């Protein structure tokens, strides 16, 4: 039977991994100037970053998921990546649409 601590840690794991996926997706969208670069980097490097919290918090969650490895992968990796990437692409404005203050843009311009 699932304990309350296991359920809470599972929710923390999903929330933390969703935040990591959204922040990494935003970072790749801001830093990479190609069309497919952010997508490829988000799909290939984000699971690597999600592995550490899944490893640390996943020790308590298998009783909640019924010892199913497929369910753990879906809840710890696929669900947070889907929510995080969708949050950045659908809810956040595009990096090109964000206006920076003129002083900041002039001082931190990559082309000097």
PDB file of N, CA and C in Angstrom:
ATOM      1  N   UNK A   1       0.840  -1.179   0.000  1.00  0.00           N
ATOM      2  CA  UNK A   1       0.000   0.000   0.000  1.00  0.00           C
ATOM      3  C   UNK A   1       0.882   1.237   0.000  1.00  0.00           C
ATOM      4  N   UNK A   2       0.433   2.255  -0.669  1.00  0.00           N
ATOM      5  CA  UNK A   2       1.198   3.496  -0.792  1.00  0.00           C
ATOM      6  C   UNK A   2       1.110   4.299   0.503  1.00  0.00           C
ATOM      7  N   UNK A   3       2.272   4.778   0.931  1.00  0.00           N
ATOM      8  CA  UNK A   3       2.288   5.607   2.123  1.00  0.00           C
ATOM      9  C   UNK A   3       2.162   7.067   1.718  1.00  0.00           C
ATOM     10  N   UNK A   4       1.812   7.888   2.675  1.00  0.00           N
ATOM     11  CA  UNK A   4       1.660   9.314   2.417  1.00  0.00           C
ATOM     12  C   UNK A   4       2.996   9.936   2.038  1.00  0.00           C
ATOM     13  N   UNK A   5       4.070   9.501   2.674  1.00  0.00           N
ATOM     14  CA  UNK A   5       5.405  10.026   2.364  1.00  0.00           C
ATOM     15  C   UNK A   5       5.787   9.675   0.928  1.00  0.00           C
ATOM     16  N   UNK A   6       5.494   8.475   0.493  1.00  0.00           N
ATOM     17  CA  UNK A   6       5.798   8.069  -0.879  1.00  0.00           C
ATOM     18  C   UNK A   6       5.042   8.880  -1.913  1.00  0.00           C
ATOM     19  N   UNK A   7       3.770   9.145  -1.650  1.00  0.00           N
ATOM     20  CA  UNK A   7       2.958   9.937  -2.569  1.00  0.00           C
ATOM     21  C   UNK A   7       3.468  11.379  -2.619  1.00  0.00           C
ATOM     22  N   UNK A   8       3.789  11.953  -1.473  1.00  0.00           N
ATOM     23  CA  UNK A   8       4.301  13.330  -1.430  1.00  0.00           C
ATOM     24  C   UNK A   8       5.646  13.424  -2.160  1.00  0.00           C
ATOM     25  N   UNK A   9       6.528  12.455  -1.936  1.00  0.00           N
ATOM     26  CA  UNK A   9       7.819  12.468  -2.633  1.00  0.00           C
ATOM     27  C   UNK A   9       7.653  12.270  -4.134  1.00  0.00           C
ATOM     28  N   UNK A  10       6.679  11.495  -4.537  1.00  0.00           N
ATOM     29  CA  UNK A  10       6.414  11.334  -5.961  1.00  0.00           C
ATOM     30  C   UNK A  10       5.946  12.654  -6.571  1.00  0.00           C
ATOM     31  N   UNK A  11       5.088  13.372  -5.876  1.00  0.00           N
ATOM     32  CA  UNK A  11       4.639  14.681  -6.359  1.00  0.00           C
ATOM     33  C   UNK A  11       5.784  15.693  -6.381  1.00  0.00           C
ATOM     34  N   UNK A  12       6.658  15.644  -5.393  1.00  0.00           N
ATOM     35  CA  UNK A  12       7.839  16.513  -5.382  1.00  0.00           C
ATOM     36  C   UNK A  12       8.742  16.179  -6.560  1.00  0.00           C
ATOM     37  N   UNK A  13       8.921  14.898  -6.832  1.00  0.00           N
ATOM     38  CA  UNK A  13       9.749  14.468  -7.958  1.00  0.00           C
ATOM     39  C   UNK A  13       9.189  14.983  -9.283  1.00  0.00           C
ATOM     40  N   UNK A  14       7.902  14.854  -9.480  1.00  0.00           N
ATOM     41  CA  UNK A  14       7.278  15.332 -10.723  1.00  0.00           C
ATOM     42  C   UNK A  14       7.399  16.847 -10.824  1.00  0.00           C
ATOM     43  N   UNK A  15       7.153  17.567  -9.742  1.00  0.00           N
ATOM     44  CA  UNK A  15       7.261  19.027  -9.766  1.00  0.00           C
ATOM     45  C   UNK A  15       8.684  19.508 -10.009  1.00  0.00           C
ATOM     46  N   UNK A  16       9.633  18.894  -9.338  1.00  0.00           N
ATOM     47  CA  UNK A  16      11.036  19.287  -9.503  1.00  0.00           C
ATOM     48  C   UNK A  16      11.525  18.987 -10.914  1.00  0.00           C
ATOM     49  N   UNK A  17      11.214  17.812 -11.428  1.00  0.00           N
ATOM     50  CA  UNK A  17      11.639  17.465 -12.782  1.00  0.00           C
ATOM     51  C   UNK A  17      10.944  18.319 -13.836  1.00  0.00           C
ATOM     52  N   UNK A  18       9.701  18.711 -13.593  1.00  0.00           N
ATOM     53  CA  UNK A  18       9.012  19.613 -14.518  1.00  0.00           C
ATOM     54  C   UNK A  18       9.693  20.974 -14.541  1.00  0.00           C
ATOM     55  N   UNK A  19      10.068  21.491 -13.374  1.00  0.00           N
ATOM     56  CA  UNK A  19      10.758  22.778 -13.311  1.00  0.00           C
ATOM     57  C   UNK A  19      12.121  22.708 -13.999  1.00  0.00           C
ATOM     58  N   UNK A  20      12.843  21.620 -13.792  1.00  0.00           N
ATOM     59  CA  UNK A  20      14.152  21.458 -14.438  1.00  0.00           C
ATOM     60  C   UNK A  20      13.977  21.398 -15.958  1.00  0.00           C
ATOM     61  N   UNK A  21      12.998  20.657 -16.431  1.00  0.00           N
ATOM     62  CA  UNK A  21      12.768  20.545 -17.873  1.00  0.00           C
ATOM     63  C   UNK A  21      12.377  21.894 -18.474  1.00  0.00           C
ATOM     64  N   UNK A  22      11.536  22.650 -17.788  1.00  0.00           N
ATOM     65  CA  UNK A  22      11.134  23.964 -18.303  1.00  0.00           C
ATOM     66  C   UNK A  22      12.310  24.934 -18.325  1.00  0.00           C
ATOM     67  N   UNK A  23      13.123  24.940 -17.283  1.00  0.00           N
ATOM     68  CA  UNK A  23      14.266  25.851 -17.243  1.00  0.00           C
ATOM     69  C   UNK A  23      15.327  25.481 -18.280  1.00  0.00           C
ATOM     70  N   UNK A  24      15.595  24.203 -18.455  1.00  0.00           N
ATOM     71  CA  UNK A  24      16.561  23.800 -19.469  1.00  0.00           C
ATOM     72  C   UNK A  24      16.063  24.110 -20.876  1.00  0.00           C
ATOM     73  N   UNK A  25      14.784  23.917 -21.121  1.00  0.00           N
ATOM     74  CA  UNK A  25      14.223  24.243 -22.427  1.00  0.00           C
ATOM     75  C   UNK A  25      14.333  25.731 -22.701  1.00  0.00           C
ATOM     76  N   UNK A  26      14.045  26.555 -21.703  1.00  0.00           N
ATOM     77  CA  UNK A  26      14.170  28.007 -21.870  1.00  0.00           C
ATOM     78  C   UNK A  26      15.622  28.402 -22.107  1.00  0.00           C
ATOM     79  N   UNK A  27      16.534  27.788 -21.361  1.00  0.00           N
ATOM     80  CA  UNK A  27      17.958  28.080 -21.542  1.00  0.00           C
ATOM     81  C   UNK A  27      18.406  27.744 -22.965  1.00  0.00           C
ATOM     82  N   UNK A  28      18.003  26.590 -23.472  1.00  0.00           N
ATOM     83  CA  UNK A  28      18.397  26.201 -24.822  1.00  0.00           C
ATOM     84  C   UNK A  28      17.760  27.111 -25.867  1.00  0.00           C
ATOM     85  N   UNK A  29      16.528  27.542 -25.638  1.00  0.00           N
ATOM     86  CA  UNK A  29      15.873  28.437 -26.600  1.00  0.00           C
ATOM     87  C   UNK A  29      16.536  29.807 -26.633  1.00  0.00           C
ATOM     88  N   UNK A  30      17.011  30.278 -25.492  1.00  0.00           N
ATOM     89  CA  UNK A  30      17.650  31.593 -25.439  1.00  0.00           C
ATOM     90  C   UNK A  30      19.060  31.532 -26.025  1.00  0.00           C
ATOM     91  N   UNK A  31      19.809  30.497 -25.733  1.00  0.00           N
ATOM     92  CA  UNK A  31      21.219  30.420 -26.117  1.00  0.00           C
ATOM     93  C   UNK A  31      21.472  29.941 -27.538  1.00  0.00           C
ATOM     94  N   UNK A  32      20.625  29.091 -28.074  1.00  0.00           N
ATOM     95  CA  UNK A  32      20.876  28.521 -29.396  1.00  0.00           C
ATOM     96  C   UNK A  32      20.104  29.300 -30.460  1.00  0.00           C
ATOM     97  N   UNK A  33      20.772  29.635 -31.550  1.00  0.00           N
ATOM     98  CA  UNK A  33      20.168  30.451 -32.595  1.00  0.00           C
ATOM     99  C   UNK A  33      19.642  29.636 -33.771  1.00  0.00           C
ATOM    100  N   UNK A  34      19.695  28.335 -33.694  1.00  0.00           N
ATOM    101  CA  UNK A  34      19.205  27.508 -34.794  1.00  0.00           C
ATOM    102  C   UNK A  34      17.750  27.133 -34.554  1.00  0.00           C
ATOM    103  N   UNK A  35      17.126  26.620 -35.580  1.00  0.00           N
ATOM    104  CA  UNK A  35      15.715  26.264 -35.465  1.00  0.00           C
ATOM    105  C   UNK A  35      15.519  24.953 -34.700  1.00  0.00           C
ATOM    106  N   UNK A  36      16.348  23.948 -34.988  1.00  0.00           N
ATOM    107  CA  UNK A  36      16.187  22.636 -34.374  1.00  0.00           C
ATOM    108  C   UNK A  36      17.081  22.415 -33.164  1.00  0.00           C
ATOM    109  N   UNK A  37      18.029  23.300 -32.932  1.00  0.00           N
ATOM    110  CA  UNK A  37      18.960  23.127 -31.820  1.00  0.00           C
ATOM    111  C   UNK A  37      18.287  22.999 -30.469  1.00  0.00           C
ATOM    112  N   UNK A  38      17.398  23.933 -30.099  1.00  0.00           N
ATOM    113  CA  UNK A  38      16.738  23.799 -28.792  1.00  0.00           C
ATOM    114  C   UNK A  38      15.915  22.529 -28.643  1.00  0.00           C
ATOM    115  N   UNK A  39      15.298  22.091 -29.715  1.00  0.00           N
ATOM    116  CA  UNK A  39      14.482  20.871 -29.645  1.00  0.00           C
ATOM    117  C   UNK A  39      15.371  19.653 -29.413  1.00  0.00           C
ATOM    118  N   UNK A  40      16.448  19.566 -30.182  1.00  0.00           N
ATOM    119  CA  UNK A  40      17.346  18.408 -30.067  1.00  0.00           C
ATOM    120  C   UNK A  40      18.019  18.384 -28.701  1.00  0.00           C
ATOM    121  N   UNK A  41      18.526  19.544 -28.264  1.00  0.00           N
ATOM    122  CA  UNK A  41      19.183  19.589 -26.960  1.00  0.00           C
ATOM    123  C   UNK A  41      18.189  19.290 -25.837  1.00  0.00           C
ATOM    124  N   UNK A  42      16.974  19.801 -25.937  1.00  0.00           N
ATOM    125  CA  UNK A  42      15.978  19.536 -24.895  1.00  0.00           C
ATOM    126  C   UNK A  42      15.634  18.050 -24.812  1.00  0.00           C
ATOM    127  N   UNK A  43      15.527  17.408 -25.952  1.00  0.00           N
ATOM    128  CA  UNK A  43      15.157  15.990 -25.944  1.00  0.00           C
ATOM    129  C   UNK A  43      16.313  15.073 -25.558  1.00  0.00           C
ATOM    130  N   UNK A  44      17.561  15.506 -25.792  1.00  0.00           N
ATOM    131  CA  UNK A  44      18.700  14.642 -25.504  1.00  0.00           C
ATOM    132  C   UNK A  44      19.368  14.927 -24.156  1.00  0.00           C
ATOM    133  N   UNK A  45      19.440  16.180 -23.735  1.00  0.00           N
ATOM    134  CA  UNK A  45      20.158  16.508 -22.506  1.00  0.00           C
ATOM    135  C   UNK A  45      19.264  16.636 -21.273  1.00  0.00           C
ATOM    136  N   UNK A  46      18.008  16.935 -21.465  1.00  0.00           N
ATOM    137  CA  UNK A  46      17.116  17.073 -20.319  1.00  0.00           C
ATOM    138  C   UNK A  46      16.959  15.767 -19.535  1.00  0.00           C
ATOM    139  N   UNK A  47      16.811  14.611 -20.182  1.00  0.00           N
ATOM    140  CA  UNK A  47      16.725  13.370 -19.388  1.00  0.00           C
ATOM    141  C   UNK A  47      17.966  13.106 -18.545  1.00  0.00           C
ATOM    142  N   UNK A  48      19.120  13.565 -19.000  1.00  0.00           N
ATOM    143  CA  UNK A  48      20.346  13.394 -18.210  1.00  0.00           C
ATOM    144  C   UNK A  48      20.234  14.200 -16.920  1.00  0.00           C
ATOM    145  N   UNK A  49      19.721  15.424 -17.022  1.00  0.00           N
ATOM    146  CA  UNK A  49      19.560  16.260 -15.827  1.00  0.00           C
ATOM    147  C   UNK A  49      18.443  15.747 -14.920  1.00  0.00           C
ATOM    148  N   UNK A  50      17.434  15.116 -15.490  1.00  0.00           N
ATOM    149  CA  UNK A  50      16.326  14.587 -14.689  1.00  0.00           C
ATOM    150  C   UNK A  50      16.698  13.290 -13.976  1.00  0.00           C
ATOM    151  N   UNK A  51      17.795  12.695 -14.371  1.00  0.00           N
ATOM    152  CA  UNK A  51      18.202  11.416 -13.785  1.00  0.00           C
ATOM    153  C   UNK A  51      18.592  11.560 -12.314  1.00  0.00           C
ATOM    154  N   UNK A  52      19.263  12.658 -11.948  1.00  0.00           N
ATOM    155  CA  UNK A  52      19.738  12.829 -10.563  1.00  0.00           C
ATOM    156  C   UNK A  52      18.572  12.929  -9.572  1.00  0.00           C
ATOM    157  N   UNK A  53      17.585  13.824  -9.782  1.00  0.00           N
ATOM    158  CA  UNK A  53      16.457  13.827  -8.835  1.00  0.00           C
ATOM    159  C   UNK A  53      15.675  12.515  -8.839  1.00  0.00           C
ATOM    160  N   UNK A  54      15.568  11.886 -10.017  1.00  0.00           N
ATOM    161  CA  UNK A  54      14.851  10.604 -10.076  1.00  0.00           C
ATOM    162  C   UNK A  54      15.594   9.532  -9.291  1.00  0.00           C
ATOM    163  N   UNK A  55      16.901   9.586  -9.318  1.00  0.00           N
ATOM    164  CA  UNK A  55      17.693   8.613  -8.568  1.00  0.00           C
ATOM    165  C   UNK A  55      17.573   8.852  -7.064  1.00  0.00           C
ATOM    166  N   UNK A  56      17.609  10.123  -6.659  1.00  0.00           N
ATOM    167  CA  UNK A  56      17.546  10.441  -5.227  1.00  0.00           C
ATOM    168  C   UNK A  56      16.151  10.213  -4.640  1.00  0.00           C
ATOM    169  N   UNK A  57      15.132  10.714  -5.316  1.00  0.00           N
ATOM    170  CA  UNK A  57      13.770  10.598  -4.778  1.00  0.00           C
ATOM    171  C   UNK A  57      13.074   9.309  -5.205  1.00  0.00           C
ATOM    172  N   UNK A  58      13.610   8.633  -6.209  1.00  0.00           N
ATOM    173  CA  UNK A  58      12.971   7.419  -6.713  1.00  0.00           C
ATOM    174  C   UNK A  58      13.107   6.225  -5.805  1.00  0.00           C
ATOM    175  N   UNK A  59      13.968   6.312  -4.818  1.00  0.00           N
ATOM    176  CA  UNK A  59      14.141   5.179  -3.907  1.00  0.00           C
ATOM    177  C   UNK A  59      12.906   4.937  -3.061  1.00  0.00           C
ATOM    178  N   UNK A  60      12.089   5.967  -2.858  1.00  0.00           N
ATOM    179  CA  UNK A  60      10.910   5.839  -2.006  1.00  0.00           C
ATOM    180  C   UNK A  60       9.640   5.628  -2.828  1.00  0.00           C
ATOM    181  N   UNK A  61       9.650   6.014  -4.092  1.00  0.00           N
ATOM    182  CA  UNK A  61       8.414   5.991  -4.875  1.00  0.00           C
ATOM    183  C   UNK A  61       8.011   4.646  -5.470  1.00  0.00           C
ATOM    184  N   UNK A  62       8.895   3.645  -5.659  1.00  0.00           N
ATOM    185  CA  UNK A  62       8.400   2.395  -6.277  1.00  0.00           C
ATOM    186  C   UNK A  62       7.223   1.738  -5.561  1.00  0.00           C
ATOM    187  N   UNK A  63       7.121   1.753  -4.227  1.00  0.00           N
ATOM    188  CA  UNK A  63       5.910   1.168  -3.641  1.00  0.00           C
ATOM    189  C   UNK A  63       4.633   1.893  -4.065  1.00  0.00           C
ATOM    190  N   UNK A  64       4.752   3.196  -4.363  1.00  0.00           N
ATOM    191  CA  UNK A  64       3.585   3.957  -4.801  1.00  0.00           C
ATOM    192  C   UNK A  64       3.166   3.511  -6.201  1.00  0.00           C
ATOM    193  N   UNK A  65       4.141   3.217  -7.054  1.00  0.00           N
ATOM    194  CA  UNK A  65       3.856   2.856  -8.437  1.00  0.00           C
ATOM    195  C   UNK A  65       3.693   1.359  -8.651  1.00  0.00           C
ATOM    196  N   UNK A  66       3.786   0.579  -7.617  1.00  0.00           N
ATOM    197  CA  UNK A  66       3.572  -0.858  -7.724  1.00  0.00           C
ATOM    198  C   UNK A  66       4.738  -1.608  -8.340  1.00  0.00           C
ATOM    199  N   UNK A  67       5.967  -1.167  -8.098  1.00  0.00           N
ATOM    200  CA  UNK A  67       7.178  -1.827  -8.580  1.00  0.00           C
ATOM    201  C   UNK A  67       7.261  -1.909 -10.100  1.00  0.00           C
ATOM    202  N   UNK A  68       6.591  -1.024 -10.797  1.00  0.00           N
ATOM    203  CA  UNK A  68       6.614  -1.033 -12.252  1.00  0.00           C
ATOM    204  C   UNK A  68       7.663  -0.050 -12.757  1.00  0.00           C
ATOM    205  N   UNK A  69       8.647  -0.558 -13.487  1.00  0.00           N
ATOM    206  CA  UNK A  69       9.701   0.307 -14.025  1.00  0.00           C
ATOM    207  C   UNK A  69       9.155   1.215 -15.116  1.00  0.00           C
ATOM    208  N   UNK A  70       8.250   0.715 -15.918  1.00  0.00           N
ATOM    209  CA  UNK A  70       7.672   1.527 -16.986  1.00  0.00           C
ATOM    210  C   UNK A  70       6.872   2.697 -16.408  1.00  0.00           C
ATOM    211  N   UNK A  71       6.147   2.444 -15.338  1.00  0.00           N
ATOM    212  CA  UNK A  71       5.391   3.519 -14.703  1.00  0.00           C
ATOM    213  C   UNK A  71       6.333   4.551 -14.090  1.00  0.00           C
ATOM    214  N   UNK A  72       7.434   4.106 -13.512  1.00  0.00           N
ATOM    215  CA  UNK A  72       8.399   5.045 -12.937  1.00  0.00           C
ATOM    216  C   UNK A  72       9.033   5.911 -14.017  1.00  0.00           C
ATOM    217  N   UNK A  73       9.404   5.320 -15.138  1.00  0.00           N
ATOM    218  CA  UNK A  73       9.985   6.101 -16.241  1.00  0.00           C
ATOM    219  C   UNK A  73       8.967   7.095 -16.782  1.00  0.00           C
ATOM    220  N   UNK A  74       7.724   6.688 -16.896  1.00  0.00           N
ATOM    221  CA  UNK A  74       6.687   7.587 -17.393  1.00  0.00           C
ATOM    222  C   UNK A  74       6.456   8.745 -16.439  1.00  0.00           C
ATOM    223  N   UNK A  75       6.429   8.455 -15.134  1.00  0.00           N
ATOM    224  CA  UNK A  75       6.139   9.503 -14.152  1.00  0.00           C
ATOM    225  C   UNK A  75       7.361  10.363 -13.859  1.00  0.00           C
ATOM    226  N   UNK A  76       8.546   9.798 -13.879  1.00  0.00           N
ATOM    227  CA  UNK A  76       9.744  10.545 -13.509  1.00  0.00           C
ATOM    228  C   UNK A  76      10.394  11.261 -14.688  1.00  0.00           C
ATOM    229  N   UNK A  77      10.184  10.787 -15.916  1.00  0.00           N
ATOM    230  CA  UNK A  77      10.852  11.387 -17.072  1.00  0.00           C
ATOM    231  C   UNK A  77       9.880  11.928 -18.112  1.00  0.00           C
ATOM    232  N   UNK A  78       8.986  11.094 -18.624  1.00  0.00           N
ATOM    233  CA  UNK A  78       8.134  11.499 -19.735  1.00  0.00           C
ATOM    234  C   UNK A  78       7.122  12.574 -19.358  1.00  0.00           C
ATOM    235  N   UNK A  79       6.450  12.401 -18.247  1.00  0.00           N
ATOM    236  CA  UNK A  79       5.461  13.381 -17.811  1.00  0.00           C
ATOM    237  C   UNK A  79       6.089  14.749 -17.510  1.00  0.00           C
ATOM    238  N   UNK A  80       7.171  14.827 -16.725  1.00  0.00           N
ATOM    239  CA  UNK A  80       7.789  16.135 -16.480  1.00  0.00           C
ATOM    240  C   UNK A  80       8.378  16.774 -17.735  1.00  0.00           C
ATOM    241  N   UNK A  81       8.971  15.970 -18.624  1.00  0.00           N
ATOM    242  CA  UNK A  81       9.509  16.558 -19.856  1.00  0.00           C
ATOM    243  C   UNK A  81       8.391  17.114 -20.724  1.00  0.00           C
ATOM    244  N   UNK A  82       7.286  16.402 -20.802  1.00  0.00           N
ATOM    245  CA  UNK A  82       6.154  16.887 -21.594  1.00  0.00           C
ATOM    246  C   UNK A  82       5.599  18.168 -21.016  1.00  0.00           C
ATOM    247  N   UNK A  83       5.388  18.212 -19.704  1.00  0.00           N
ATOM    248  CA  UNK A  83       4.867  19.423 -19.066  1.00  0.00           C
ATOM    249  C   UNK A  83       5.856  20.583 -19.162  1.00  0.00           C
ATOM    250  N   UNK A  84       7.134  20.328 -18.918  1.00  0.00           N
ATOM    251  CA  UNK A  84       8.129  21.385 -18.928  1.00  0.00           C
ATOM    252  C   UNK A  84       8.332  21.992 -20.307  1.00  0.00           C
ATOM    253  N   UNK A  85       8.445  21.147 -21.324  1.00  0.00           N
ATOM    254  CA  UNK A  85       8.630  21.648 -22.683  1.00  0.00           C
ATOM    255  C   UNK A  85       7.371  22.355 -23.166  1.00  0.00           C
ATOM    256  N   UNK A  86       6.211  21.790 -22.880  1.00  0.00           N
ATOM    257  CA  UNK A  86       4.959  22.443 -23.271  1.00  0.00           C
ATOM    258  C   UNK A  86       4.791  23.774 -22.554  1.00  0.00           C
ATOM    259  N   UNK A  87       5.171  23.845 -21.286  1.00  0.00           N
ATOM    260  CA  UNK A  87       5.086  25.103 -20.536  1.00  0.00           C
ATOM    261  C   UNK A  87       5.930  26.178 -21.201  1.00  0.00           C
ATOM    262  N   UNK A  88       7.156  25.834 -21.586  1.00  0.00           N
ATOM    263  CA  UNK A  88       8.033  26.844 -22.176  1.00  0.00           C
ATOM    264  C   UNK A  88       7.589  27.235 -23.578  1.00  0.00           C
ATOM    265  N   UNK A  89       7.222  26.279 -24.401  1.00  0.00           N
ATOM    266  CA  UNK A  89       6.860  26.597 -25.786  1.00  0.00           C
ATOM    267  C   UNK A  89       5.469  27.209 -25.904  1.00  0.00           C
ATOM    268  N   UNK A  90       4.527  26.813 -25.069  1.00  0.00           N
ATOM    269  CA  UNK A  90       3.154  27.274 -25.231  1.00  0.00           C
ATOM    270  C   UNK A  90       2.778  28.445 -24.329  1.00  0.00           C
ATOM    271  N   UNK A  91       3.374  28.560 -23.144  1.00  0.00           N
ATOM    272  CA  UNK A  91       2.941  29.590 -22.216  1.00  0.00           C
ATOM    273  C   UNK A  91       3.904  30.767 -22.142  1.00  0.00           C
ATOM    274  N   UNK A  92       5.200  30.499 -22.185  1.00  0.00           N
ATOM    275  CA  UNK A  92       6.190  31.566 -22.100  1.00  0.00           C
ATOM    276  C   UNK A  92       6.332  32.257 -23.456  1.00  0.00           C
ATOM    277  N   UNK A  93       6.613  33.562 -23.448  1.00  0.00           N
ATOM    278  CA  UNK A  93       6.811  34.231 -24.736  1.00  0.00           C
ATOM    279  C   UNK A  93       8.105  33.768 -25.391  1.00  0.00           C
ATOM    280  N   UNK A  94       8.143  33.875 -26.701  1.00  0.00           N
ATOM    281  CA  UNK A  94       9.345  33.501 -27.444  1.00  0.00           C
ATOM    282  C   UNK A  94      10.499  34.418 -27.032  1.00  0.00           C
ATOM    283  N   UNK A  95      11.727  33.914 -27.005  1.00  0.00           N
ATOM    284  CA  UNK A  95      12.858  34.757 -26.611  1.00  0.00           C
ATOM    285  C   UNK A  95      13.011  36.003 -27.487  1.00  0.00           C
ATOM    286  N   UNK A  96      12.593  35.932 -28.742  1.00  0.00           N
ATOM    287  CA  UNK A  96      12.681  37.096 -29.616  1.00  0.00           C
ATOM    288  C   UNK A  96      11.669  38.177 -29.248  1.00  0.00           C
ATOM    289  N   UNK A  97      10.584  37.806 -28.596  1.00  0.00           N
ATOM    290  CA  UNK A  97       9.542  38.761 -28.235  1.00  0.00           C
ATOM    291  C   UNK A  97       9.835  39.524 -26.954  1.00  0.00           C
ATOM    292  N   UNK A  98      10.777  39.057 -26.155  1.00  0.00           N
ATOM    293  CA  UNK A  98      11.087  39.688 -24.877  1.00  0.00           C
ATOM    294  C   UNK A  98      12.011  40.874 -25.127  1.00  0.00           C
ATOM    295  N   UNK A  99      11.598  42.040 -24.654  1.00  0.00           N
ATOM    296  CA  UNK A  99      12.414  43.235 -24.813  1.00  0.00           C
ATOM    297  C   UNK A  99      13.257  43.448 -23.562  1.00  0.00           C
ATOM    298  N   UNK A 100      14.534  43.655 -23.773  1.00  0.00           N
ATOM    299  CA  UNK A 100      15.451  43.929 -22.677  1.00  0.00           C
ATOM    300  C   UNK A 100      15.631  45.432 -22.550  1.00  0.00           C
ATOM    301  N   UNK A 101      15.963  45.914 -21.365  1.00  0.00           N
ATOM    302  CA  UNK A 101      16.267  47.345 -21.228  1.00  0.00           C
ATOM    303  C   UNK A 101      17.431  47.727 -22.147  1.00  0.00           C
ATOM    304  N   UNK A 102      17.455  48.946 -22.613  1.00  0.00           N
ATOM    305  CA  UNK A 102      18.465  49.359 -23.592  1.00  0.00           C
ATOM    306  C   UNK A 102      19.869  49.284 -23.014  1.00  0.00           C
ATOM    307  N   UNK A 103      20.069  49.635 -21.762  1.00  0.00           N
ATOM    308  CA  UNK A 103      21.399  49.565 -21.165  1.00  0.00           C
ATOM    309  C   UNK A 103      21.892  48.125 -21.096  1.00  0.00           C
ATOM    310  N   UNK A 104      21.014  47.221 -20.717  1.00  0.00           N
ATOM    311  CA  UNK A 104      21.392  45.815 -20.611  1.00  0.00           C
ATOM    312  C   UNK A 104      21.730  45.253 -21.987  1.00  0.00           C
ATOM    313  N   UNK A 105      20.915  45.562 -22.978  1.00  0.00           N
ATOM    314  CA  UNK A 105      21.141  45.026 -24.312  1.00  0.00           C
ATOM    315  C   UNK A 105      22.444  45.561 -24.901  1.00  0.00           C
ATOM    316  N   UNK A 106      22.769  46.806 -24.645  1.00  0.00           N
ATOM    317  CA  UNK A 106      23.986  47.389 -25.192  1.00  0.00           C
ATOM    318  C   UNK A 106      25.223  46.824 -24.513  1.00  0.00           C
ATOM    319  N   UNK A 107      25.190  46.652 -23.199  1.00  0.00           N
ATOM    320  CA  UNK A 107      26.352  46.163 -22.457  1.00  0.00           C
ATOM    321  C   UNK A 107      26.608  44.674 -22.668  1.00  0.00           C
ATOM    322  N   UNK A 108      25.573  43.899 -22.862  1.00  0.00           N
ATOM    323  CA  UNK A 108      25.722  42.438 -22.955  1.00  0.00           C
ATOM    324  C   UNK A 108      25.526  41.902 -24.361  1.00  0.00           C
ATOM    325  N   UNK A 109      25.675  42.736 -25.357  1.00  0.00           N
ATOM    326  CA  UNK A 109      25.520  42.293 -26.724  1.00  0.00           C
ATOM    327  C   UNK A 109      26.692  41.402 -27.115  1.00  0.00           C
ATOM    328  N   UNK A 110      26.426  40.248 -27.783  1.00  0.00           N
ATOM    329  CA  UNK A 110      27.535  39.363 -28.153  1.00  0.00           C
ATOM    330  C   UNK A 110      28.378  39.949 -29.282  1.00  0.00           C
ATOM    331  N   UNK A 111      27.810  40.863 -30.047  1.00  0.00           N
ATOM    332  CA  UNK A 111      28.543  41.471 -31.160  1.00  0.00           C
ATOM    333  C   UNK A 111      29.026  42.854 -30.748  1.00  0.00           C
ATOM    334  N   UNK A 112      30.292  42.966 -30.481  1.00  0.00           N
ATOM    335  CA  UNK A 112      30.854  44.274 -30.109  1.00  0.00           C
ATOM    336  C   UNK A 112      31.783  44.751 -31.173  1.00  0.00           C
TER     337      UNK A 112
END
